Amino acid sequence: MFERTPMIAGNWKMNLSLDEAVALVEAIGSGIGNVSDVEVLVAPPFTHLAAVRGAIDASKIFLAAQNMHWEMSGAYTGEISGRMLQHSGCTHVILGHSERRTLFNETSEVVNLKVRAASFLGLIPVVCVGETLDERESERTFEVIKEQLDLSLDNFRADQMMPTSTILAYEPVWAIGTGKTATPEQAEEVHHFIRLWIEQTFNSGTAAQVRILYGGSVKPDNVKTLMAEPDIDGALVGGASLKSDSFVQLIRSQKA
């Protein structure tokens, strides 16, 4: 069986001053030391990217943006291009986060354009999918997830190839910032569905290599049971990533 390296990713959202962001990543770098069998990713606000990149220094921490536009440049007031992210030191970008979808009406078709642009530039997309509480309660979870995958990754489907560096994230909307967490069994059921979708849409080799993260109120006290499931390869963390002690605990829990 292919061994997928776990990833713990911190999405800082619209939080932290510049000084706080720099201090946080420095504390994370110090706290993880020489950890090598877990990949660590942080996604600060756009305005903090360059400073956080500088503070990462020699630490084994990857830098992500929380969003991007699909065009390389142009008259798109208020937007950030993938090339700008690269110039700020980013290697990854989060796309299609549920807050982008629900609060800013971002469609899967738009996510697909962003995924294509990111991949063209060599940025690794972290593509998010997930159902709302109403959709889960009406037993539409798998229908919703399949539609989001089909449309958000439509260019990969057209090319009949999905880069194995691509990262997917399952984040049930009803569990984000609510304190509610999908049980390990609920999360694994959807992660397994996503992996089967990759296999059926592309091939078994791609399905074996692509990492699928879980996002939704992940904390140090539940991360180990979630990651014990065979198809859960890491966590996309919100609130618990804003404190160095809790985030480092999440990272080091993979070694315990």
C-alpha atoms as a PDB file:
ATOM      1  CA  MET A   1       0.000   0.000   0.000  1.00  0.00           C
ATOM      2  CA  PHE A   2       1.245   3.503  -0.876  1.00  0.00           C
ATOM      3  CA  GLU A   3       2.352   5.438   2.218  1.00  0.00           C
ATOM      4  CA  ARG A   4       0.866   8.930   2.191  1.00  0.00           C
ATOM      5  CA  THR A   5       2.674  11.487   4.354  1.00  0.00           C
ATOM      6  CA  PRO A   6       0.241  13.041   6.857  1.00  0.00           C
ATOM      7  CA  MET A   7      -0.345  16.788   6.643  1.00  0.00           C
ATOM      8  CA  ILE A   8      -1.533  19.170   9.346  1.00  0.00           C
ATOM      9  CA  ALA A   9      -2.631  22.462   7.780  1.00  0.00           C
ATOM     10  CA  GLY A  10      -3.587  25.621   9.647  1.00  0.00           C
ATOM     11  CA  ASN A  11      -6.047  28.048   8.063  1.00  0.00           C
ATOM     12  CA  TRP A  12      -5.699  31.297   9.994  1.00  0.00           C
ATOM     13  CA  LYS A  13      -8.630  32.928   8.155  1.00  0.00           C
ATOM     14  CA  MET A  14      -9.079  36.677   8.895  1.00  0.00           C
ATOM     15  CA  ASN A  15      -7.190  36.619  12.184  1.00  0.00           C
ATOM     16  CA  LEU A  16      -3.947  37.855  13.776  1.00  0.00           C
ATOM     17  CA  SER A  17      -1.962  41.052  13.433  1.00  0.00           C
ATOM     18  CA  LEU A  18       1.267  40.952  11.440  1.00  0.00           C
ATOM     19  CA  ASP A  19       3.355  40.684  14.610  1.00  0.00           C
ATOM     20  CA  GLU A  20       1.102  37.948  15.986  1.00  0.00           C
ATOM     21  CA  ALA A  21       1.346  35.970  12.759  1.00  0.00           C
ATOM     22  CA  VAL A  22       5.137  36.134  12.729  1.00  0.00           C
ATOM     23  CA  ALA A  23       5.328  35.158  16.403  1.00  0.00           C
ATOM     24  CA  LEU A  24       2.942  32.253  15.828  1.00  0.00           C
ATOM     25  CA  VAL A  25       4.871  30.710  12.952  1.00  0.00           C
ATOM     26  CA  GLU A  26       8.137  31.147  14.844  1.00  0.00           C
ATOM     27  CA  ALA A  27       6.637  29.330  17.838  1.00  0.00           C
ATOM     28  CA  ILE A  28       5.312  26.563  15.590  1.00  0.00           C
ATOM     29  CA  GLY A  29       8.718  26.153  13.956  1.00  0.00           C
ATOM     30  CA  SER A  30      10.389  25.941  17.339  1.00  0.00           C
ATOM     31  CA  GLY A  31       7.757  23.545  18.661  1.00  0.00           C
ATOM     32  CA  ILE A  32       7.966  21.014  15.825  1.00  0.00           C
ATOM     33  CA  GLY A  33      11.747  20.933  15.814  1.00  0.00           C
ATOM     34  CA  ASN A  34      13.006  18.273  13.439  1.00  0.00           C
ATOM     35  CA  VAL A  35       9.661  16.540  12.819  1.00  0.00           C
ATOM     36  CA  SER A  36      10.031  15.033   9.357  1.00  0.00           C
ATOM     37  CA  ASP A  37       7.241  12.471   8.936  1.00  0.00           C
ATOM     38  CA  VAL A  38       4.404  15.024   9.059  1.00  0.00           C
ATOM     39  CA  GLU A  39       4.048  17.913   6.617  1.00  0.00           C
ATOM     40  CA  VAL A  40       3.032  21.239   8.152  1.00  0.00           C
ATOM     41  CA  LEU A  41       1.220  23.996   6.267  1.00  0.00           C
ATOM     42  CA  VAL A  42       0.050  27.438   7.383  1.00  0.00           C
ATOM     43  CA  ALA A  43      -2.294  29.794   5.506  1.00  0.00           C
ATOM     44  CA  PRO A  44      -2.087  33.377   6.815  1.00  0.00           C
ATOM     45  CA  PRO A  45      -4.055  36.356   5.458  1.00  0.00           C
ATOM     46  CA  PHE A  46      -2.679  37.791   2.197  1.00  0.00           C
ATOM     47  CA  THR A  47      -1.106  40.806   3.931  1.00  0.00           C
ATOM     48  CA  HIS A  48       1.007  38.557   6.157  1.00  0.00           C
ATOM     49  CA  LEU A  49       2.333  36.096   3.574  1.00  0.00           C
ATOM     50  CA  ALA A  50       5.738  37.652   2.879  1.00  0.00           C
ATOM     51  CA  ALA A  51       6.502  38.297   6.548  1.00  0.00           C
ATOM     52  CA  VAL A  52       5.461  34.778   7.561  1.00  0.00           C
ATOM     53  CA  ARG A  53       7.584  33.361   4.717  1.00  0.00           C
ATOM     54  CA  GLY A  54      10.570  35.238   6.136  1.00  0.00           C
ATOM     55  CA  ALA A  55       9.854  34.032   9.656  1.00  0.00           C
ATOM     56  CA  ILE A  56       9.590  30.400   8.549  1.00  0.00           C
ATOM     57  CA  ASP A  57      13.290  30.588   7.699  1.00  0.00           C
ATOM     58  CA  ALA A  58      14.679  27.039   7.768  1.00  0.00           C
ATOM     59  CA  SER A  59      11.645  25.459   9.443  1.00  0.00           C
ATOM     60  CA  LYS A  60       9.955  22.663   7.541  1.00  0.00           C
ATOM     61  CA  ILE A  61       6.707  24.589   7.134  1.00  0.00           C
ATOM     62  CA  PHE A  62       4.894  25.125   3.831  1.00  0.00           C
ATOM     63  CA  LEU A  63       3.116  28.401   3.085  1.00  0.00           C
ATOM     64  CA  ALA A  64      -0.368  28.597   1.578  1.00  0.00           C
ATOM     65  CA  ALA A  65      -2.745  31.369   0.620  1.00  0.00           C
ATOM     66  CA  GLN A  66      -6.420  31.154   1.505  1.00  0.00           C
ATOM     67  CA  ASN A  67      -7.698  31.964  -2.000  1.00  0.00           C
ATOM     68  CA  MET A  68      -6.645  33.365  -5.393  1.00  0.00           C
ATOM     69  CA  HIS A  69      -8.039  34.653  -8.682  1.00  0.00           C
ATOM     70  CA  TRP A  70      -7.854  32.501 -11.812  1.00  0.00           C
ATOM     71  CA  GLU A  71      -6.363  35.225 -14.034  1.00  0.00           C
ATOM     72  CA  MET A  72      -2.644  36.020 -13.978  1.00  0.00           C
ATOM     73  CA  SER A  73      -3.177  39.800 -13.987  1.00  0.00           C
ATOM     74  CA  GLY A  74      -5.679  42.421 -15.053  1.00  0.00           C
ATOM     75  CA  ALA A  75      -8.410  44.793 -13.935  1.00  0.00           C
ATOM     76  CA  TYR A  76      -9.677  42.729 -10.997  1.00  0.00           C
ATOM     77  CA  THR A  77      -9.748  45.206  -8.135  1.00  0.00           C
ATOM     78  CA  GLY A  78      -9.195  43.595  -4.763  1.00  0.00           C
ATOM     79  CA  GLU A  79      -8.035  40.249  -6.161  1.00  0.00           C
ATOM     80  CA  ILE A  80      -4.735  38.368  -5.837  1.00  0.00           C
ATOM     81  CA  SER A  81      -3.200  36.279  -8.617  1.00  0.00           C
ATOM     82  CA  GLY A  82      -1.346  33.017  -8.347  1.00  0.00           C
ATOM     83  CA  ARG A  83       1.864  34.648  -9.574  1.00  0.00           C
ATOM     84  CA  MET A  84       1.610  37.163  -6.725  1.00  0.00           C
ATOM     85  CA  LEU A  85       1.267  34.271  -4.300  1.00  0.00           C
ATOM     86  CA  GLN A  86       4.369  32.639  -5.731  1.00  0.00           C
ATOM     87  CA  HIS A  87       6.301  35.886  -5.356  1.00  0.00           C
ATOM     88  CA  SER A  88       5.232  35.943  -1.689  1.00  0.00           C
ATOM     89  CA  GLY A  89       6.698  32.459  -1.199  1.00  0.00           C
ATOM     90  CA  CYS A  90       3.549  30.333  -1.377  1.00  0.00           C
ATOM     91  CA  THR A  91       3.731  26.714  -2.479  1.00  0.00           C
ATOM     92  CA  HIS A  92       0.043  25.894  -1.851  1.00  0.00           C
ATOM     93  CA  VAL A  93      -3.350  27.607  -2.071  1.00  0.00           C
ATOM     94  CA  ILE A  94      -6.667  26.702  -0.428  1.00  0.00           C
ATOM     95  CA  LEU A  95      -9.520  26.738  -2.937  1.00  0.00           C
ATOM     96  CA  GLY A  96     -13.262  26.292  -2.543  1.00  0.00           C
ATOM     97  CA  HIS A  97     -13.295  26.573   1.240  1.00  0.00           C
ATOM     98  CA  SER A  98     -16.863  26.289   2.514  1.00  0.00           C
ATOM     99  CA  GLU A  99     -16.781  29.893   3.703  1.00  0.00           C
ATOM    100  CA  ARG A 100     -15.930  30.995   0.168  1.00  0.00           C
ATOM    101  CA  ARG A 101     -18.771  28.862  -1.157  1.00  0.00           C
ATOM    102  CA  THR A 102     -21.424  29.804   1.398  1.00  0.00           C
ATOM    103  CA  LEU A 103     -20.545  33.395   2.347  1.00  0.00           C
ATOM    104  CA  PHE A 104     -19.262  34.625  -1.017  1.00  0.00           C
ATOM    105  CA  ASN A 105     -21.377  32.452  -3.342  1.00  0.00           C
ATOM    106  CA  GLU A 106     -18.335  30.891  -4.977  1.00  0.00           C
ATOM    107  CA  THR A 107     -19.425  28.116  -7.309  1.00  0.00           C
ATOM    108  CA  SER A 108     -17.639  24.885  -8.138  1.00  0.00           C
ATOM    109  CA  GLU A 109     -17.235  26.182 -11.700  1.00  0.00           C
ATOM    110  CA  VAL A 110     -15.251  29.138 -10.318  1.00  0.00           C
ATOM    111  CA  VAL A 111     -13.218  26.806  -8.105  1.00  0.00           C
ATOM    112  CA  ASN A 112     -12.378  24.780 -11.214  1.00  0.00           C
ATOM    113  CA  LEU A 113     -10.948  27.870 -12.941  1.00  0.00           C
ATOM    114  CA  LYS A 114      -8.803  28.576  -9.888  1.00  0.00           C
ATOM    115  CA  VAL A 115      -7.607  24.979  -9.637  1.00  0.00           C
ATOM    116  CA  ARG A 116      -6.571  25.057 -13.298  1.00  0.00           C
ATOM    117  CA  ALA A 117      -4.661  28.327 -12.836  1.00  0.00           C
ATOM    118  CA  ALA A 118      -2.944  27.130  -9.672  1.00  0.00           C
ATOM    119  CA  SER A 119      -1.858  23.867 -11.275  1.00  0.00           C
ATOM    120  CA  PHE A 120      -0.584  25.686 -14.368  1.00  0.00           C
ATOM    121  CA  LEU A 121       1.665  27.786 -12.126  1.00  0.00           C
ATOM    122  CA  GLY A 122       2.845  24.850 -10.045  1.00  0.00           C
ATOM    123  CA  LEU A 123       0.958  25.909  -6.923  1.00  0.00           C
ATOM    124  CA  ILE A 124      -0.498  22.896  -5.107  1.00  0.00           C
ATOM    125  CA  PRO A 125      -4.261  23.332  -4.695  1.00  0.00           C
ATOM    126  CA  VAL A 126      -5.974  22.258  -1.480  1.00  0.00           C
ATOM    127  CA  VAL A 127      -9.489  21.775  -2.849  1.00  0.00           C
ATOM    128  CA  CYS A 128     -12.310  21.752  -0.301  1.00  0.00           C
ATOM    129  CA  VAL A 129     -15.664  20.001  -0.537  1.00  0.00           C
ATOM    130  CA  GLY A 130     -18.410  19.426   2.006  1.00  0.00           C
ATOM    131  CA  GLU A 131     -22.121  19.319   2.675  1.00  0.00           C
ATOM    132  CA  THR A 132     -24.363  21.506   4.826  1.00  0.00           C
ATOM    133  CA  LEU A 133     -26.412  20.198   7.738  1.00  0.00           C
ATOM    134  CA  ASP A 134     -29.597  20.297   5.632  1.00  0.00           C
ATOM    135  CA  GLU A 135     -27.917  18.282   2.892  1.00  0.00           C
ATOM    136  CA  ARG A 136     -26.679  15.681   5.360  1.00  0.00           C
ATOM    137  CA  GLU A 137     -30.037  15.393   7.100  1.00  0.00           C
ATOM    138  CA  SER A 138     -31.765  14.942   3.733  1.00  0.00           C
ATOM    139  CA  GLU A 139     -29.274  12.141   2.951  1.00  0.00           C
ATOM    140  CA  ARG A 140     -27.726  14.018   0.035  1.00  0.00           C
ATOM    141  CA  THR A 141     -24.125  13.993   1.314  1.00  0.00           C
ATOM    142  CA  PHE A 142     -22.665  11.767  -1.402  1.00  0.00           C
ATOM    143  CA  GLU A 143     -24.657  13.454  -4.166  1.00  0.00           C
ATOM    144  CA  VAL A 144     -23.376  16.874  -3.061  1.00  0.00           C
ATOM    145  CA  ILE A 145     -19.775  15.713  -2.668  1.00  0.00           C
ATOM    146  CA  LYS A 146     -19.763  14.058  -6.106  1.00  0.00           C
ATOM    147  CA  GLU A 147     -21.176  17.160  -7.778  1.00  0.00           C
ATOM    148  CA  GLN A 148     -18.597  19.396  -6.086  1.00  0.00           C
ATOM    149  CA  LEU A 149     -15.760  17.069  -7.108  1.00  0.00           C
ATOM    150  CA  ASP A 150     -17.026  16.703 -10.678  1.00  0.00           C
ATOM    151  CA  LEU A 151     -17.348  20.455 -11.207  1.00  0.00           C
ATOM    152  CA  SER A 152     -14.437  21.725  -9.089  1.00  0.00           C
ATOM    153  CA  LEU A 153     -12.003  19.359 -10.811  1.00  0.00           C
ATOM    154  CA  ASP A 154     -13.603  19.425 -14.242  1.00  0.00           C
ATOM    155  CA  ASN A 155     -10.389  20.438 -16.019  1.00  0.00           C
ATOM    156  CA  PHE A 156      -8.544  17.490 -14.488  1.00  0.00           C
ATOM    157  CA  ARG A 157     -11.378  15.254 -15.681  1.00  0.00           C
ATOM    158  CA  ALA A 158     -11.153  16.717 -19.186  1.00  0.00           C
ATOM    159  CA  ASP A 159      -7.406  16.023 -19.224  1.00  0.00           C
ATOM    160  CA  GLN A 160      -8.020  12.570 -17.728  1.00  0.00           C
ATOM    161  CA  MET A 161      -5.212  13.312 -15.297  1.00  0.00           C
ATOM    162  CA  MET A 162      -5.112  14.603 -11.738  1.00  0.00           C
ATOM    163  CA  PRO A 163      -1.676  15.612 -10.388  1.00  0.00           C
ATOM    164  CA  THR A 164      -0.935  13.376  -7.413  1.00  0.00           C
ATOM    165  CA  SER A 165       0.330  16.431  -5.513  1.00  0.00           C
ATOM    166  CA  THR A 166      -3.262  17.735  -5.411  1.00  0.00           C
ATOM    167  CA  ILE A 167      -4.722  17.770  -1.907  1.00  0.00           C
ATOM    168  CA  LEU A 168      -8.439  17.393  -1.234  1.00  0.00           C
ATOM    169  CA  ALA A 169     -10.136  18.398   1.999  1.00  0.00           C
ATOM    170  CA  TYR A 170     -13.475  17.168   3.268  1.00  0.00           C
ATOM    171  CA  GLU A 171     -15.006  19.784   5.521  1.00  0.00           C
ATOM    172  CA  PRO A 172     -18.618  19.212   6.531  1.00  0.00           C
ATOM    173  CA  VAL A 173     -20.032  22.735   6.729  1.00  0.00           C
ATOM    174  CA  TRP A 174     -22.026  21.815   9.833  1.00  0.00           C
ATOM    175  CA  ALA A 175     -18.813  21.034  11.728  1.00  0.00           C
ATOM    176  CA  ILE A 176     -16.778  24.151  10.941  1.00  0.00           C
ATOM    177  CA  GLY A 177     -16.396  26.467  13.893  1.00  0.00           C
ATOM    178  CA  THR A 178     -19.396  24.889  15.611  1.00  0.00           C
ATOM    179  CA  GLY A 179     -17.572  22.615  18.021  1.00  0.00           C
ATOM    180  CA  LYS A 180     -19.321  19.690  16.329  1.00  0.00           C
ATOM    181  CA  THR A 181     -17.084  17.121  14.713  1.00  0.00           C
ATOM    182  CA  ALA A 182     -17.996  14.321  12.374  1.00  0.00           C
ATOM    183  CA  THR A 183     -17.374  11.029  14.121  1.00  0.00           C
ATOM    184  CA  PRO A 184     -14.348   9.139  12.792  1.00  0.00           C
ATOM    185  CA  GLU A 185     -16.791   6.739  11.136  1.00  0.00           C
ATOM    186  CA  GLN A 186     -18.755   9.565   9.462  1.00  0.00           C
ATOM    187  CA  ALA A 187     -15.576  11.246   8.254  1.00  0.00           C
ATOM    188  CA  GLU A 188     -14.041   8.004   6.989  1.00  0.00           C
ATOM    189  CA  GLU A 189     -17.204   7.130   5.095  1.00  0.00           C
ATOM    190  CA  VAL A 190     -16.947  10.345   3.068  1.00  0.00           C
ATOM    191  CA  HIS A 191     -13.151  10.154   2.696  1.00  0.00           C
ATOM    192  CA  HIS A 192     -13.511   6.618   1.346  1.00  0.00           C
ATOM    193  CA  PHE A 193     -16.187   7.835  -1.069  1.00  0.00           C
ATOM    194  CA  ILE A 194     -13.827  10.579  -2.286  1.00  0.00           C
ATOM    195  CA  ARG A 195     -10.982   8.102  -2.769  1.00  0.00           C
ATOM    196  CA  LEU A 196     -13.261   5.812  -4.780  1.00  0.00           C
ATOM    197  CA  TRP A 197     -14.292   8.813  -6.883  1.00  0.00           C
ATOM    198  CA  ILE A 198     -10.612   9.501  -7.642  1.00  0.00           C
ATOM    199  CA  GLU A 199     -10.063   5.863  -8.599  1.00  0.00           C
ATOM    200  CA  GLN A 200     -13.135   5.704 -10.826  1.00  0.00           C
ATOM    201  CA  THR A 201     -12.496   9.110 -12.415  1.00  0.00           C
ATOM    202  CA  PHE A 202      -8.742   8.719 -12.903  1.00  0.00           C
ATOM    203  CA  ASN A 203      -7.000   5.529 -11.772  1.00  0.00           C
ATOM    204  CA  SER A 204      -6.044   3.484  -8.726  1.00  0.00           C
ATOM    205  CA  GLY A 205      -2.494   4.842  -8.633  1.00  0.00           C
ATOM    206  CA  THR A 206      -3.720   8.423  -8.327  1.00  0.00           C
ATOM    207  CA  ALA A 207      -6.267   7.395  -5.700  1.00  0.00           C
ATOM    208  CA  ALA A 208      -3.537   5.737  -3.655  1.00  0.00           C
ATOM    209  CA  GLN A 209      -1.344   8.848  -3.640  1.00  0.00           C
ATOM    210  CA  VAL A 210      -3.672  11.859  -3.318  1.00  0.00           C
ATOM    211  CA  ARG A 211      -4.062  13.027   0.253  1.00  0.00           C
ATOM    212  CA  ILE A 212      -7.487  13.818   1.696  1.00  0.00           C
ATOM    213  CA  LEU A 213      -7.592  16.031   4.789  1.00  0.00           C
ATOM    214  CA  TYR A 214     -10.452  16.366   7.252  1.00  0.00           C
ATOM    215  CA  GLY A 215     -11.572  19.825   8.358  1.00  0.00           C
ATOM    216  CA  GLY A 216     -14.156  20.635  10.982  1.00  0.00           C
ATOM    217  CA  SER A 217     -13.440  21.469  14.647  1.00  0.00           C
ATOM    218  CA  VAL A 218     -10.251  19.379  14.747  1.00  0.00           C
ATOM    219  CA  LYS A 219      -8.547  19.603  18.137  1.00  0.00           C
ATOM    220  CA  PRO A 220      -5.719  17.796  19.951  1.00  0.00           C
ATOM    221  CA  ASP A 221      -8.244  15.591  21.777  1.00  0.00           C
ATOM    222  CA  ASN A 222      -9.892  14.204  18.626  1.00  0.00           C
ATOM    223  CA  VAL A 223      -7.192  14.266  15.945  1.00  0.00           C
ATOM    224  CA  LYS A 224      -5.713  10.844  16.727  1.00  0.00           C
ATOM    225  CA  THR A 225      -8.994   8.965  16.417  1.00  0.00           C
ATOM    226  CA  LEU A 226      -9.782  10.776  13.160  1.00  0.00           C
ATOM    227  CA  MET A 227      -6.386  10.052  11.674  1.00  0.00           C
ATOM    228  CA  ALA A 228      -6.507   6.424  12.685  1.00  0.00           C
ATOM    229  CA  GLU A 229      -8.989   5.946   9.830  1.00  0.00           C
ATOM    230  CA  PRO A 230      -7.365   4.575   6.652  1.00  0.00           C
ATOM    231  CA  ASP A 231      -8.509   7.301   4.243  1.00  0.00           C
ATOM    232  CA  ILE A 232      -7.929  10.341   6.476  1.00  0.00           C
ATOM    233  CA  ASP A 233      -4.468  11.718   5.700  1.00  0.00           C
ATOM    234  CA  GLY A 234      -4.400  14.826   7.818  1.00  0.00           C
ATOM    235  CA  ALA A 235      -6.349  17.809   9.051  1.00  0.00           C
ATOM    236  CA  LEU A 236      -7.281  21.273   7.839  1.00  0.00           C
ATOM    237  CA  VAL A 237      -7.463  23.149  11.109  1.00  0.00           C
ATOM    238  CA  GLY A 238      -9.099  26.488  11.900  1.00  0.00           C
ATOM    239  CA  GLY A 239      -9.334  27.728  15.481  1.00  0.00           C
ATOM    240  CA  ALA A 240      -6.798  25.286  16.936  1.00  0.00           C
ATOM    241  CA  SER A 241      -4.175  26.560  14.466  1.00  0.00           C
ATOM    242  CA  LEU A 242      -4.204  30.057  15.999  1.00  0.00           C
ATOM    243  CA  LYS A 243      -2.423  28.913  19.171  1.00  0.00           C
ATOM    244  CA  SER A 244       1.039  27.427  18.854  1.00  0.00           C
ATOM    245  CA  ASP A 245       0.601  24.954  21.714  1.00  0.00           C
ATOM    246  CA  SER A 246      -2.557  23.353  20.323  1.00  0.00           C
ATOM    247  CA  PHE A 247      -1.273  23.331  16.732  1.00  0.00           C
ATOM    248  CA  VAL A 248       2.042  21.781  17.728  1.00  0.00           C
ATOM    249  CA  GLN A 249       0.122  19.150  19.729  1.00  0.00           C
ATOM    250  CA  LEU A 250      -1.829  18.291  16.575  1.00  0.00           C
ATOM    251  CA  ILE A 251       1.392  17.898  14.614  1.00  0.00           C
ATOM    252  CA  ARG A 252       3.209  15.891  17.276  1.00  0.00           C
ATOM    253  CA  SER A 253       0.187  13.652  17.863  1.00  0.00           C
ATOM    254  CA  GLN A 254       1.157  11.848  14.680  1.00  0.00           C
ATOM    255  CA  LYS A 255       4.373  10.671  16.327  1.00  0.00           C
ATOM    256  CA  ALA A 256       2.875   9.628  19.662  1.00  0.00           C
END
